Amino acid sequence: MMPARRVARRTSRRTSRRMSASQPPPEQAAPPPAAAPAPAAPAQQDDMAQIEQLAEMRDRGLLTDEEFQAKKKQILGI
């Protein structure tokens, strides 16, 4: 009876090793995703985007040069 237990234990160990080798290792808690770096001056970028949009509207004839200049000064706080 003793040899049968040894064989059973050895078989069990071998099976355990094979199962653990075929399965990917358990995942550890992943670190939280890194936050995207904040732009240096988001307000300035927004202002520039607005001014560029106004310039396009002026170039297409939707705004006069005076309207463009007035709105640009308003955005820039001048």
N, C-alpha and C. Protein backbone atom coordinates (compact mmCIF):
# COMPACT_ATOMS: atom_id res chain seq x y z
N MET A 1 0.82 -1.18 0.00
CA MET A 1 0.00 0.00 0.00
C MET A 1 0.86 1.25 0.00
N MET A 2 1.97 1.21 0.63
CA MET A 2 2.85 2.35 0.70
C MET A 2 3.32 2.79 -0.68
N PRO A 3 3.75 1.92 -1.56
CA PRO A 3 4.18 2.38 -2.87
C PRO A 3 3.05 3.05 -3.66
N ALA A 4 1.85 2.61 -3.49
CA ALA A 4 0.73 3.20 -4.23
C ALA A 4 0.54 4.67 -3.83
N ARG A 5 0.72 4.98 -2.55
CA ARG A 5 0.60 6.35 -2.09
C ARG A 5 1.70 7.22 -2.69
N ARG A 6 2.90 6.66 -2.73
CA ARG A 6 4.02 7.41 -3.32
C ARG A 6 3.76 7.72 -4.79
N VAL A 7 3.29 6.72 -5.49
CA VAL A 7 3.00 6.90 -6.91
C VAL A 7 1.90 7.95 -7.07
N ALA A 8 0.89 7.87 -6.24
CA ALA A 8 -0.22 8.82 -6.33
C ALA A 8 0.28 10.24 -6.04
N ARG A 9 1.12 10.39 -5.00
CA ARG A 9 1.66 11.70 -4.67
C ARG A 9 2.53 12.24 -5.77
N ARG A 10 3.39 11.40 -6.32
CA ARG A 10 4.28 11.81 -7.40
C ARG A 10 3.47 12.22 -8.62
N THR A 11 2.46 11.45 -8.94
CA THR A 11 1.61 11.77 -10.08
C THR A 11 0.87 13.09 -9.83
N SER A 12 0.41 13.27 -8.62
CA SER A 12 -0.29 14.50 -8.28
C SER A 12 0.64 15.71 -8.41
N ARG A 13 1.88 15.57 -7.93
CA ARG A 13 2.84 16.67 -8.05
C ARG A 13 3.14 16.98 -9.50
N ARG A 14 3.35 15.92 -10.29
CA ARG A 14 3.65 16.13 -11.71
C ARG A 14 2.49 16.83 -12.41
N THR A 15 1.29 16.41 -12.10
CA THR A 15 0.11 17.02 -12.71
C THR A 15 0.01 18.49 -12.31
N SER A 16 0.27 18.76 -11.03
CA SER A 16 0.22 20.15 -10.56
C SER A 16 1.25 21.02 -11.29
N ARG A 17 2.46 20.49 -11.45
CA ARG A 17 3.50 21.24 -12.15
C ARG A 17 3.11 21.50 -13.59
N ARG A 18 2.57 20.50 -14.25
CA ARG A 18 2.18 20.66 -15.65
C ARG A 18 1.06 21.69 -15.78
N MET A 19 0.12 21.63 -14.87
CA MET A 19 -1.00 22.58 -14.92
C MET A 19 -0.50 24.00 -14.68
N SER A 20 0.38 24.17 -13.74
CA SER A 20 0.86 25.52 -13.45
C SER A 20 1.77 26.03 -14.57
N ALA A 21 2.47 25.12 -15.25
CA ALA A 21 3.33 25.54 -16.35
C ALA A 21 2.51 25.93 -17.57
N SER A 22 1.36 25.30 -17.77
CA SER A 22 0.56 25.59 -18.95
C SER A 22 -0.32 26.82 -18.76
N GLN A 23 -0.54 27.21 -17.53
CA GLN A 23 -1.37 28.37 -17.27
C GLN A 23 -0.48 29.59 -17.07
N PRO A 24 -0.94 30.73 -17.51
CA PRO A 24 -0.15 31.94 -17.29
C PRO A 24 -0.09 32.23 -15.79
N PRO A 25 0.96 32.88 -15.37
CA PRO A 25 1.08 33.18 -13.94
C PRO A 25 -0.06 34.10 -13.50
N PRO A 26 -0.49 33.95 -12.26
CA PRO A 26 -1.58 34.80 -11.81
C PRO A 26 -1.17 36.26 -11.90
N GLU A 27 -2.11 37.08 -12.36
CA GLU A 27 -1.79 38.49 -12.54
C GLU A 27 -1.71 39.19 -11.19
N GLN A 28 -0.72 40.01 -11.08
CA GLN A 28 -0.63 40.83 -9.89
C GLN A 28 -1.46 42.07 -10.14
N ALA A 29 -1.77 42.75 -9.09
CA ALA A 29 -2.57 43.97 -9.25
C ALA A 29 -1.79 44.93 -10.14
N ALA A 30 -2.39 45.28 -11.24
CA ALA A 30 -1.74 46.18 -12.19
C ALA A 30 -1.73 47.58 -11.61
N PRO A 31 -0.64 48.30 -11.82
CA PRO A 31 -0.62 49.68 -11.33
C PRO A 31 -1.64 50.51 -12.10
N PRO A 32 -2.20 51.51 -11.47
CA PRO A 32 -3.19 52.33 -12.19
C PRO A 32 -2.55 52.99 -13.39
N PRO A 33 -3.32 53.16 -14.46
CA PRO A 33 -2.75 53.78 -15.66
C PRO A 33 -2.25 55.19 -15.34
N ALA A 34 -1.14 55.52 -15.95
CA ALA A 34 -0.57 56.85 -15.73
C ALA A 34 -1.46 57.89 -16.38
N ALA A 35 -1.67 58.95 -15.66
CA ALA A 35 -2.49 60.03 -16.19
C ALA A 35 -1.72 60.75 -17.29
N ALA A 36 -2.44 61.16 -18.30
CA ALA A 36 -1.80 61.89 -19.39
C ALA A 36 -1.28 63.22 -18.84
N PRO A 37 -0.10 63.62 -19.25
CA PRO A 37 0.42 64.88 -18.74
C PRO A 37 -0.47 66.04 -19.16
N ALA A 38 -0.70 66.91 -18.22
CA ALA A 38 -1.56 68.06 -18.50
C ALA A 38 -0.81 69.05 -19.37
N PRO A 39 -1.49 69.65 -20.33
CA PRO A 39 -0.83 70.65 -21.16
C PRO A 39 -0.35 71.80 -20.28
N ALA A 40 0.72 72.43 -20.72
CA ALA A 40 1.32 73.50 -19.93
C ALA A 40 0.34 74.64 -19.71
N ALA A 41 -0.36 75.04 -20.73
CA ALA A 41 -1.30 76.14 -20.60
C ALA A 41 -2.55 75.83 -21.44
N PRO A 42 -3.50 75.08 -20.87
CA PRO A 42 -4.68 74.72 -21.65
C PRO A 42 -5.49 75.92 -22.10
N ALA A 43 -5.53 76.97 -21.30
CA ALA A 43 -6.29 78.15 -21.69
C ALA A 43 -5.69 78.80 -22.93
N GLN A 44 -4.36 78.83 -22.99
CA GLN A 44 -3.69 79.41 -24.15
C GLN A 44 -3.97 78.60 -25.40
N GLN A 45 -3.98 77.28 -25.26
CA GLN A 45 -4.26 76.43 -26.42
C GLN A 45 -5.69 76.63 -26.90
N ASP A 46 -6.63 76.75 -25.95
CA ASP A 46 -8.01 77.00 -26.32
C ASP A 46 -8.14 78.34 -27.04
N ASP A 47 -7.44 79.34 -26.49
CA ASP A 47 -7.48 80.66 -27.11
C ASP A 47 -6.93 80.61 -28.54
N MET A 48 -5.81 79.92 -28.70
CA MET A 48 -5.22 79.82 -30.04
C MET A 48 -6.15 79.10 -31.00
N ALA A 49 -6.81 78.05 -30.52
CA ALA A 49 -7.74 77.31 -31.38
C ALA A 49 -8.90 78.22 -31.80
N GLN A 50 -9.39 79.02 -30.87
CA GLN A 50 -10.48 79.94 -31.20
C GLN A 50 -10.03 80.98 -32.22
N ILE A 51 -8.83 81.52 -32.01
CA ILE A 51 -8.32 82.54 -32.93
C ILE A 51 -8.10 81.95 -34.32
N GLU A 52 -7.57 80.72 -34.37
CA GLU A 52 -7.37 80.07 -35.67
C GLU A 52 -8.71 79.84 -36.37
N GLN A 53 -9.72 79.47 -35.59
CA GLN A 53 -11.04 79.25 -36.18
C GLN A 53 -11.60 80.57 -36.71
N LEU A 54 -11.40 81.64 -35.94
CA LEU A 54 -11.86 82.95 -36.40
C LEU A 54 -11.12 83.38 -37.67
N ALA A 55 -9.81 83.10 -37.72
CA ALA A 55 -9.02 83.46 -38.90
C ALA A 55 -9.54 82.72 -40.13
N GLU A 56 -9.89 81.45 -39.96
CA GLU A 56 -10.45 80.69 -41.07
C GLU A 56 -11.77 81.30 -41.53
N MET A 57 -12.59 81.71 -40.56
CA MET A 57 -13.87 82.33 -40.91
C MET A 57 -13.65 83.66 -41.65
N ARG A 58 -12.64 84.42 -41.21
CA ARG A 58 -12.30 85.68 -41.89
C ARG A 58 -11.83 85.40 -43.31
N ASP A 59 -10.97 84.37 -43.45
CA ASP A 59 -10.43 84.04 -44.77
C ASP A 59 -11.53 83.56 -45.73
N ARG A 60 -12.56 82.96 -45.20
CA ARG A 60 -13.66 82.48 -46.04
C ARG A 60 -14.70 83.56 -46.29
N GLY A 61 -14.48 84.71 -45.68
CA GLY A 61 -15.39 85.82 -45.92
C GLY A 61 -16.57 85.87 -44.99
N LEU A 62 -16.54 85.08 -43.93
CA LEU A 62 -17.66 85.06 -42.99
C LEU A 62 -17.55 86.17 -41.95
N LEU A 63 -16.33 86.68 -41.72
CA LEU A 63 -16.09 87.78 -40.79
C LEU A 63 -15.30 88.87 -41.51
N THR A 64 -15.55 90.09 -41.09
CA THR A 64 -14.70 91.17 -41.62
C THR A 64 -13.43 91.21 -40.80
N ASP A 65 -12.43 91.91 -41.29
CA ASP A 65 -11.17 92.04 -40.56
C ASP A 65 -11.39 92.74 -39.22
N GLU A 66 -12.28 93.72 -39.20
CA GLU A 66 -12.57 94.44 -37.96
C GLU A 66 -13.22 93.50 -36.93
N GLU A 67 -14.15 92.67 -37.38
CA GLU A 67 -14.79 91.71 -36.47
C GLU A 67 -13.77 90.72 -35.92
N PHE A 68 -12.88 90.27 -36.81
CA PHE A 68 -11.84 89.33 -36.40
C PHE A 68 -10.94 89.97 -35.34
N GLN A 69 -10.49 91.21 -35.58
CA GLN A 69 -9.60 91.89 -34.64
C GLN A 69 -10.29 92.11 -33.30
N ALA A 70 -11.55 92.51 -33.33
CA ALA A 70 -12.29 92.76 -32.08
C ALA A 70 -12.43 91.47 -31.27
N LYS A 71 -12.77 90.39 -31.95
CA LYS A 71 -12.96 89.12 -31.24
C LYS A 71 -11.63 88.60 -30.72
N LYS A 72 -10.57 88.77 -31.48
CA LYS A 72 -9.24 88.33 -31.06
C LYS A 72 -8.82 89.08 -29.79
N LYS A 73 -9.06 90.39 -29.75
CA LYS A 73 -8.73 91.17 -28.55
C LYS A 73 -9.55 90.72 -27.37
N GLN A 74 -10.80 90.38 -27.62
CA GLN A 74 -11.67 89.90 -26.54
C GLN A 74 -11.13 88.58 -25.98
N ILE A 75 -10.74 87.67 -26.86
CA ILE A 75 -10.23 86.37 -26.42
C ILE A 75 -8.92 86.55 -25.64
N LEU A 76 -8.06 87.40 -26.12
CA LEU A 76 -6.75 87.61 -25.48
C LEU A 76 -6.84 88.53 -24.24
N GLY A 77 -7.98 89.15 -24.06
CA GLY A 77 -8.15 90.03 -22.90
C GLY A 77 -7.40 91.34 -23.03
N ILE A 78 -7.27 91.81 -24.24
CA ILE A 78 -6.55 93.07 -24.49
C ILE A 78 -7.53 94.22 -24.50
